[in-house]
Every structure is written in structure tokens, then in C-alpha cells.
């Protein structure tokens, strides 16, 4: 599976909050933020804290995509 956090970055721009501020307010580690920057998985609890601060739902910040198999099929 591929985790895509592009929705999160766009929402942060819309709400005028940067990564450092979000880490501090949501009490999440910079390591978790770095993982999201690389589209890696993070604990659901981390995403829930971010949603609480941004007043949004999980589907507003992350999209889960399937990896294409060797034949190009989903």
C-alpha cells in the first residue's frame, strides 16, 4: 500500500500552519512528520491527533493507494 499525505500538506497551507507548529500543537514527533513527508505509514493515533488540531477527518489528510502489481494491474 502507498500512503499519500498530499491532502494534509494542502490543508496545512489552507489553514496557514507549518509542520513545526503542527508537531507542537498536536504533540507528534518530528520523526512522524518526516515519515509522512516520505509517504510512509504512521500510527493511527498520530493521524487522529493531527485531525483533532486541524478539525478534520482522516480522509481529509491521507489517501491510501494500492501498489500496482508487475503487470500494471491494481
PDB file of N, CA and C in Angstrom:
ATOM      1  N   UNK A   1       0.831  -1.176   0.000  1.00  0.00           N
ATOM      2  CA  UNK A   1       0.000   0.000   0.000  1.00  0.00           C
ATOM      3  C   UNK A   1       0.879   1.243   0.000  1.00  0.00           C
ATOM      4  N   UNK A   2       0.345   2.280  -0.581  1.00  0.00           N
ATOM      5  CA  UNK A   2       1.043   3.554  -0.625  1.00  0.00           C
ATOM      6  C   UNK A   2       0.208   4.578   0.136  1.00  0.00           C
ATOM      7  N   UNK A   3       0.846   5.270   1.065  1.00  0.00           N
ATOM      8  CA  UNK A   3       0.176   6.317   1.830  1.00  0.00           C
ATOM      9  C   UNK A   3       0.513   7.655   1.194  1.00  0.00           C
ATOM     10  N   UNK A   4      -0.502   8.435   0.883  1.00  0.00           N
ATOM     11  CA  UNK A   4      -0.318   9.724   0.220  1.00  0.00           C
ATOM     12  C   UNK A   4      -0.873  10.820   1.131  1.00  0.00           C
ATOM     13  N   UNK A   5       0.013  11.703   1.602  1.00  0.00           N
ATOM     14  CA  UNK A   5      -0.370  12.763   2.527  1.00  0.00           C
ATOM     15  C   UNK A   5      -0.507  14.126   1.843  1.00  0.00           C
ATOM     16  N   UNK A   6      -0.631  14.154   0.533  1.00  0.00           N
ATOM     17  CA  UNK A   6      -0.757  15.427  -0.179  1.00  0.00           C
ATOM     18  C   UNK A   6      -1.938  16.255   0.326  1.00  0.00           C
ATOM     19  N   UNK A   7      -3.017  15.580   0.698  1.00  0.00           N
ATOM     20  CA  UNK A   7      -4.188  16.299   1.231  1.00  0.00           C
ATOM     21  C   UNK A   7      -3.825  17.040   2.517  1.00  0.00           C
ATOM     22  N   UNK A   8      -2.969  16.431   3.332  1.00  0.00           N
ATOM     23  CA  UNK A   8      -2.540  17.066   4.578  1.00  0.00           C
ATOM     24  C   UNK A   8      -1.762  18.338   4.287  1.00  0.00           C
ATOM     25  N   UNK A   9      -0.809  18.258   3.366  1.00  0.00           N
ATOM     26  CA  UNK A   9       0.016  19.435   3.071  1.00  0.00           C
ATOM     27  C   UNK A   9      -0.842  20.581   2.520  1.00  0.00           C
ATOM     28  N   UNK A  10      -1.810  20.248   1.681  1.00  0.00           N
ATOM     29  CA  UNK A  10      -2.708  21.278   1.142  1.00  0.00           C
ATOM     30  C   UNK A  10      -3.576  21.886   2.236  1.00  0.00           C
ATOM     31  N   UNK A  11      -4.073  21.050   3.138  1.00  0.00           N
ATOM     32  CA  UNK A  11      -4.899  21.535   4.236  1.00  0.00           C
ATOM     33  C   UNK A  11      -4.090  22.441   5.165  1.00  0.00           C
ATOM     34  N   UNK A  12      -2.837  22.078   5.403  1.00  0.00           N
ATOM     35  CA  UNK A  12      -1.975  22.907   6.245  1.00  0.00           C
ATOM     36  C   UNK A  12      -1.761  24.279   5.613  1.00  0.00           C
ATOM     37  N   UNK A  13      -1.590  24.321   4.307  1.00  0.00           N
ATOM     38  CA  UNK A  13      -1.444  25.603   3.613  1.00  0.00           C
ATOM     39  C   UNK A  13      -2.717  26.423   3.768  1.00  0.00           C
ATOM     40  N   UNK A  14      -3.861  25.769   3.553  1.00  0.00           N
ATOM     41  CA  UNK A  14      -5.143  26.470   3.676  1.00  0.00           C
ATOM     42  C   UNK A  14      -5.349  27.033   5.086  1.00  0.00           C
ATOM     43  N   UNK A  15      -4.908  26.291   6.096  1.00  0.00           N
ATOM     44  CA  UNK A  15      -5.100  26.712   7.482  1.00  0.00           C
ATOM     45  C   UNK A  15      -3.919  27.527   8.010  1.00  0.00           C
ATOM     46  N   UNK A  16      -2.950  27.769   7.133  1.00  0.00           N
ATOM     47  CA  UNK A  16      -1.782  28.597   7.476  1.00  0.00           C
ATOM     48  C   UNK A  16      -1.046  28.084   8.717  1.00  0.00           C
ATOM     49  N   UNK A  17      -0.726  26.789   8.703  1.00  0.00           N
ATOM     50  CA  UNK A  17       0.036  26.181   9.789  1.00  0.00           C
ATOM     51  C   UNK A  17       1.197  25.408   9.173  1.00  0.00           C
ATOM     52  N   UNK A  18       2.376  25.551   9.763  1.00  0.00           N
ATOM     53  CA  UNK A  18       3.526  24.829   9.222  1.00  0.00           C
ATOM     54  C   UNK A  18       3.778  23.540  10.007  1.00  0.00           C
ATOM     55  N   UNK A  19       4.719  22.735   9.549  1.00  0.00           N
ATOM     56  CA  UNK A  19       4.978  21.427  10.153  1.00  0.00           C
ATOM     57  C   UNK A  19       5.412  21.556  11.605  1.00  0.00           C
ATOM     58  N   UNK A  20       6.258  22.526  11.888  1.00  0.00           N
ATOM     59  CA  UNK A  20       6.747  22.713  13.256  1.00  0.00           C
ATOM     60  C   UNK A  20       5.596  23.057  14.201  1.00  0.00           C
ATOM     61  N   UNK A  21       4.739  23.956  13.790  1.00  0.00           N
ATOM     62  CA  UNK A  21       3.587  24.345  14.611  1.00  0.00           C
ATOM     63  C   UNK A  21       2.650  23.162  14.825  1.00  0.00           C
ATOM     64  N   UNK A  22       2.420  22.392  13.757  1.00  0.00           N
ATOM     65  CA  UNK A  22       1.520  21.249  13.860  1.00  0.00           C
ATOM     66  C   UNK A  22       2.087  20.201  14.811  1.00  0.00           C
ATOM     67  N   UNK A  23       3.380  19.932  14.715  1.00  0.00           N
ATOM     68  CA  UNK A  23       4.010  18.974  15.631  1.00  0.00           C
ATOM     69  C   UNK A  23       3.818  19.408  17.078  1.00  0.00           C
ATOM     70  N   UNK A  24       4.043  20.678  17.334  1.00  0.00           N
ATOM     71  CA  UNK A  24       3.933  21.200  18.695  1.00  0.00           C
ATOM     72  C   UNK A  24       2.498  21.135  19.198  1.00  0.00           C
ATOM     73  N   UNK A  25       1.559  21.608  18.398  1.00  0.00           N
ATOM     74  CA  UNK A  25       0.154  21.649  18.830  1.00  0.00           C
ATOM     75  C   UNK A  25      -0.460  20.258  18.962  1.00  0.00           C
ATOM     76  N   UNK A  26      -0.126  19.351  18.035  1.00  0.00           N
ATOM     77  CA  UNK A  26      -0.699  18.003  18.056  1.00  0.00           C
ATOM     78  C   UNK A  26       0.097  17.050  18.945  1.00  0.00           C
ATOM     79  N   UNK A  27       1.257  17.526  19.425  1.00  0.00           N
ATOM     80  CA  UNK A  27       2.136  16.695  20.244  1.00  0.00           C
ATOM     81  C   UNK A  27       2.537  15.418  19.509  1.00  0.00           C
ATOM     82  N   UNK A  28       2.970  15.596  18.265  1.00  0.00           N
ATOM     83  CA  UNK A  28       3.505  14.476  17.488  1.00  0.00           C
ATOM     84  C   UNK A  28       4.985  14.739  17.230  1.00  0.00           C
ATOM     85  N   UNK A  29       5.733  13.686  17.041  1.00  0.00           N
ATOM     86  CA  UNK A  29       7.174  13.821  16.872  1.00  0.00           C
ATOM     87  C   UNK A  29       7.532  14.331  15.480  1.00  0.00           C
ATOM     88  N   UNK A  30       8.682  14.946  15.416  1.00  0.00           N
ATOM     89  CA  UNK A  30       9.189  15.380  14.112  1.00  0.00           C
ATOM     90  C   UNK A  30       9.507  14.168  13.254  1.00  0.00           C
ATOM     91  N   UNK A  31       9.821  13.046  13.893  1.00  0.00           N
ATOM     92  CA  UNK A  31      10.074  11.803  13.166  1.00  0.00           C
ATOM     93  C   UNK A  31       8.810  11.361  12.428  1.00  0.00           C
ATOM     94  N   UNK A  32       7.661  11.453  13.084  1.00  0.00           N
ATOM     95  CA  UNK A  32       6.388  11.085  12.444  1.00  0.00           C
ATOM     96  C   UNK A  32       6.113  12.007  11.268  1.00  0.00           C
ATOM     97  N   UNK A  33       6.372  13.292  11.437  1.00  0.00           N
ATOM     98  CA  UNK A  33       6.162  14.255  10.358  1.00  0.00           C
ATOM     99  C   UNK A  33       7.089  13.946   9.179  1.00  0.00           C
ATOM    100  N   UNK A  34       8.327  13.564   9.482  1.00  0.00           N
ATOM    101  CA  UNK A  34       9.278  13.206   8.425  1.00  0.00           C
ATOM    102  C   UNK A  34       8.800  11.969   7.669  1.00  0.00           C
ATOM    103  N   UNK A  35       8.258  10.995   8.389  1.00  0.00           N
ATOM    104  CA  UNK A  35       7.727   9.794   7.741  1.00  0.00           C
ATOM    105  C   UNK A  35       6.591  10.148   6.787  1.00  0.00           C
ATOM    106  N   UNK A  36       5.723  11.049   7.215  1.00  0.00           N
ATOM    107  CA  UNK A  36       4.625  11.468   6.345  1.00  0.00           C
ATOM    108  C   UNK A  36       5.166  12.199   5.121  1.00  0.00           C
ATOM    109  N   UNK A  37       6.253  12.916   5.289  1.00  0.00           N
ATOM    110  CA  UNK A  37       6.893  13.594   4.165  1.00  0.00           C
ATOM    111  C   UNK A  37       7.428  12.621   3.130  1.00  0.00           C
ATOM    112  N   UNK A  38       7.726  11.398   3.587  1.00  0.00           N
ATOM    113  CA  UNK A  38       8.202  10.340   2.681  1.00  0.00           C
ATOM    114  C   UNK A  38       7.071   9.379   2.295  1.00  0.00           C
ATOM    115  N   UNK A  39       5.835   9.755   2.623  1.00  0.00           N
ATOM    116  CA  UNK A  39       4.649   8.930   2.351  1.00  0.00           C
ATOM    117  C   UNK A  39       4.764   7.536   2.959  1.00  0.00           C
ATOM    118  N   UNK A  40       5.271   7.482   4.194  1.00  0.00           N
ATOM    119  CA  UNK A  40       5.353   6.229   4.937  1.00  0.00           C
ATOM    120  C   UNK A  40       4.205   6.176   5.944  1.00  0.00           C
ATOM    121  N   UNK A  41       3.949   4.995   6.465  1.00  0.00           N
ATOM    122  CA  UNK A  41       2.864   4.849   7.429  1.00  0.00           C
ATOM    123  C   UNK A  41       3.277   5.408   8.791  1.00  0.00           C
ATOM    124  N   UNK A  42       2.302   5.916   9.500  1.00  0.00           N
ATOM    125  CA  UNK A  42       2.471   6.391  10.879  1.00  0.00           C
ATOM    126  C   UNK A  42       1.304   5.834  11.690  1.00  0.00           C
ATOM    127  N   UNK A  43       1.455   5.772  13.014  1.00  0.00           N
ATOM    128  CA  UNK A  43       0.355   5.234  13.828  1.00  0.00           C
ATOM    129  C   UNK A  43      -0.942   6.028  13.651  1.00  0.00           C
ATOM    130  N   UNK A  44      -2.043   5.322  13.728  1.00  0.00           N
ATOM    131  CA  UNK A  44      -3.356   5.951  13.609  1.00  0.00           C
ATOM    132  C   UNK A  44      -3.548   7.012  14.689  1.00  0.00           C
ATOM    133  N   UNK A  45      -3.003   6.782  15.853  1.00  0.00           N
ATOM    134  CA  UNK A  45      -3.098   7.755  16.943  1.00  0.00           C
ATOM    135  C   UNK A  45      -2.483   9.100  16.528  1.00  0.00           C
ATOM    136  N   UNK A  46      -1.383   9.053  15.811  1.00  0.00           N
ATOM    137  CA  UNK A  46      -0.731  10.273  15.321  1.00  0.00           C
ATOM    138  C   UNK A  46      -1.649  11.018  14.372  1.00  0.00           C
ATOM    139  N   UNK A  47      -2.259  10.286  13.449  1.00  0.00           N
ATOM    140  CA  UNK A  47      -3.171  10.910  12.491  1.00  0.00           C
ATOM    141  C   UNK A  47      -4.401  11.483  13.194  1.00  0.00           C
ATOM    142  N   UNK A  48      -4.872  10.796  14.225  1.00  0.00           N
ATOM    143  CA  UNK A  48      -6.031  11.276  14.980  1.00  0.00           C
ATOM    144  C   UNK A  48      -5.706  12.585  15.692  1.00  0.00           C
ATOM    145  N   UNK A  49      -4.505  12.701  16.250  1.00  0.00           N
ATOM    146  CA  UNK A  49      -4.090  13.946  16.911  1.00  0.00           C
ATOM    147  C   UNK A  49      -4.057  15.098  15.909  1.00  0.00           C
ATOM    148  N   UNK A  50      -3.537  14.828  14.716  1.00  0.00           N
ATOM    149  CA  UNK A  50      -3.474  15.852  13.671  1.00  0.00           C
ATOM    150  C   UNK A  50      -4.881  16.272  13.262  1.00  0.00           C
ATOM    151  N   UNK A  51      -5.770  15.297  13.078  1.00  0.00           N
ATOM    152  CA  UNK A  51      -7.160  15.603  12.717  1.00  0.00           C
ATOM    153  C   UNK A  51      -7.830  16.460  13.784  1.00  0.00           C
ATOM    154  N   UNK A  52      -7.533  16.175  15.038  1.00  0.00           N
ATOM    155  CA  UNK A  52      -8.124  16.945  16.132  1.00  0.00           C
ATOM    156  C   UNK A  52      -7.690  18.404  16.058  1.00  0.00           C
ATOM    157  N   UNK A  53      -6.418  18.648  15.807  1.00  0.00           N
ATOM    158  CA  UNK A  53      -5.911  20.018  15.730  1.00  0.00           C
ATOM    159  C   UNK A  53      -6.450  20.739  14.497  1.00  0.00           C
ATOM    160  N   UNK A  54      -6.493  20.038  13.360  1.00  0.00           N
ATOM    161  CA  UNK A  54      -6.931  20.658  12.110  1.00  0.00           C
ATOM    162  C   UNK A  54      -8.448  20.651  11.943  1.00  0.00           C
ATOM    163  N   UNK A  55      -9.152  20.039  12.892  1.00  0.00           N
ATOM    164  CA  UNK A  55     -10.623  19.952  12.844  1.00  0.00           C
ATOM    165  C   UNK A  55     -11.089  19.332  11.529  1.00  0.00           C
ATOM    166  N   UNK A  56     -10.581  18.118  11.266  1.00  0.00           N
ATOM    167  CA  UNK A  56     -10.911  17.440  10.012  1.00  0.00           C
ATOM    168  C   UNK A  56     -11.045  15.940  10.262  1.00  0.00           C
ATOM    169  N   UNK A  57     -11.360  15.204   9.228  1.00  0.00           N
ATOM    170  CA  UNK A  57     -11.459  13.749   9.296  1.00  0.00           C
ATOM    171  C   UNK A  57     -10.220  13.121   8.689  1.00  0.00           C
ATOM    172  N   UNK A  58     -10.043  11.843   8.965  1.00  0.00           N
ATOM    173  CA  UNK A  58      -8.882  11.112   8.472  1.00  0.00           C
ATOM    174  C   UNK A  58      -8.762  11.171   6.949  1.00  0.00           C
ATOM    175  N   UNK A  59      -9.887  11.035   6.246  1.00  0.00           N
ATOM    176  CA  UNK A  59      -9.839  11.060   4.781  1.00  0.00           C
ATOM    177  C   UNK A  59      -9.520  12.441   4.231  1.00  0.00           C
ATOM    178  N   UNK A  60      -9.486  13.453   5.101  1.00  0.00           N
ATOM    179  CA  UNK A  60      -9.101  14.802   4.676  1.00  0.00           C
ATOM    180  C   UNK A  60      -7.582  14.983   4.649  1.00  0.00           C
ATOM    181  N   UNK A  61      -6.843  14.033   5.259  1.00  0.00           N
ATOM    182  CA  UNK A  61      -5.389  14.206   5.335  1.00  0.00           C
ATOM    183  C   UNK A  61      -4.574  13.080   4.720  1.00  0.00           C
ATOM    184  N   UNK A  62      -5.170  11.928   4.508  1.00  0.00           N
ATOM    185  CA  UNK A  62      -4.398  10.808   3.952  1.00  0.00           C
ATOM    186  C   UNK A  62      -5.238  10.027   2.944  1.00  0.00           C
ATOM    187  N   UNK A  63      -4.562   9.561   1.921  1.00  0.00           N
ATOM    188  CA  UNK A  63      -5.189   8.696   0.924  1.00  0.00           C
ATOM    189  C   UNK A  63      -4.340   7.429   0.840  1.00  0.00           C
ATOM    190  N   UNK A  64      -5.000   6.287   0.867  1.00  0.00           N
ATOM    191  CA  UNK A  64      -4.288   5.012   0.795  1.00  0.00           C
ATOM    192  C   UNK A  64      -4.516   4.428  -0.586  1.00  0.00           C
ATOM    193  N   UNK A  65      -3.416   4.178  -1.270  1.00  0.00           N
ATOM    194  CA  UNK A  65      -3.481   3.658  -2.631  1.00  0.00           C
ATOM    195  C   UNK A  65      -2.833   2.279  -2.672  1.00  0.00           C
ATOM    196  N   UNK A  66      -3.264   1.479  -3.609  1.00  0.00           N
ATOM    197  CA  UNK A  66      -2.666   0.162  -3.799  1.00  0.00           C
ATOM    198  C   UNK A  66      -1.480   0.269  -4.740  1.00  0.00           C
ATOM    199  N   UNK A  67      -0.471  -0.539  -4.480  1.00  0.00           N
ATOM    200  CA  UNK A  67       0.666  -0.613  -5.394  1.00  0.00           C
ATOM    201  C   UNK A  67       0.229  -1.390  -6.626  1.00  0.00           C
ATOM    202  N   UNK A  68       0.712  -0.954  -7.756  1.00  0.00           N
ATOM    203  CA  UNK A  68       0.426  -1.713  -8.970  1.00  0.00           C
ATOM    204  C   UNK A  68       1.287  -2.966  -8.966  1.00  0.00           C
ATOM    205  N   UNK A  69       0.693  -4.076  -9.407  1.00  0.00           N
ATOM    206  CA  UNK A  69       1.486  -5.301  -9.465  1.00  0.00           C
ATOM    207  C   UNK A  69       2.381  -5.278 -10.719  1.00  0.00           C
ATOM    208  N   UNK A  70       3.112  -6.313 -10.921  1.00  0.00           N
ATOM    209  CA  UNK A  70       4.087  -6.363 -12.011  1.00  0.00           C
ATOM    210  C   UNK A  70       3.466  -6.207 -13.390  1.00  0.00           C
ATOM    211  N   UNK A  71       2.200  -6.560 -13.539  1.00  0.00           N
ATOM    212  CA  UNK A  71       1.527  -6.456 -14.827  1.00  0.00           C
ATOM    213  C   UNK A  71       0.835  -5.109 -15.026  1.00  0.00           C
ATOM    214  N   UNK A  72       0.967  -4.211 -14.061  1.00  0.00           N
ATOM    215  CA  UNK A  72       0.335  -2.900 -14.195  1.00  0.00           C
ATOM    216  C   UNK A  72      -1.100  -2.887 -13.731  1.00  0.00           C
ATOM    217  N   UNK A  73      -1.559  -3.948 -13.114  1.00  0.00           N
ATOM    218  CA  UNK A  73      -2.927  -4.018 -12.606  1.00  0.00           C
ATOM    219  C   UNK A  73      -2.968  -3.556 -11.161  1.00  0.00           C
ATOM    220  N   UNK A  74      -4.109  -3.030 -10.726  1.00  0.00           N
ATOM    221  CA  UNK A  74      -4.271  -2.623  -9.331  1.00  0.00           C
ATOM    222  C   UNK A  74      -4.644  -3.793  -8.474  1.00  0.00           C
TER     223      UNK A  74
END
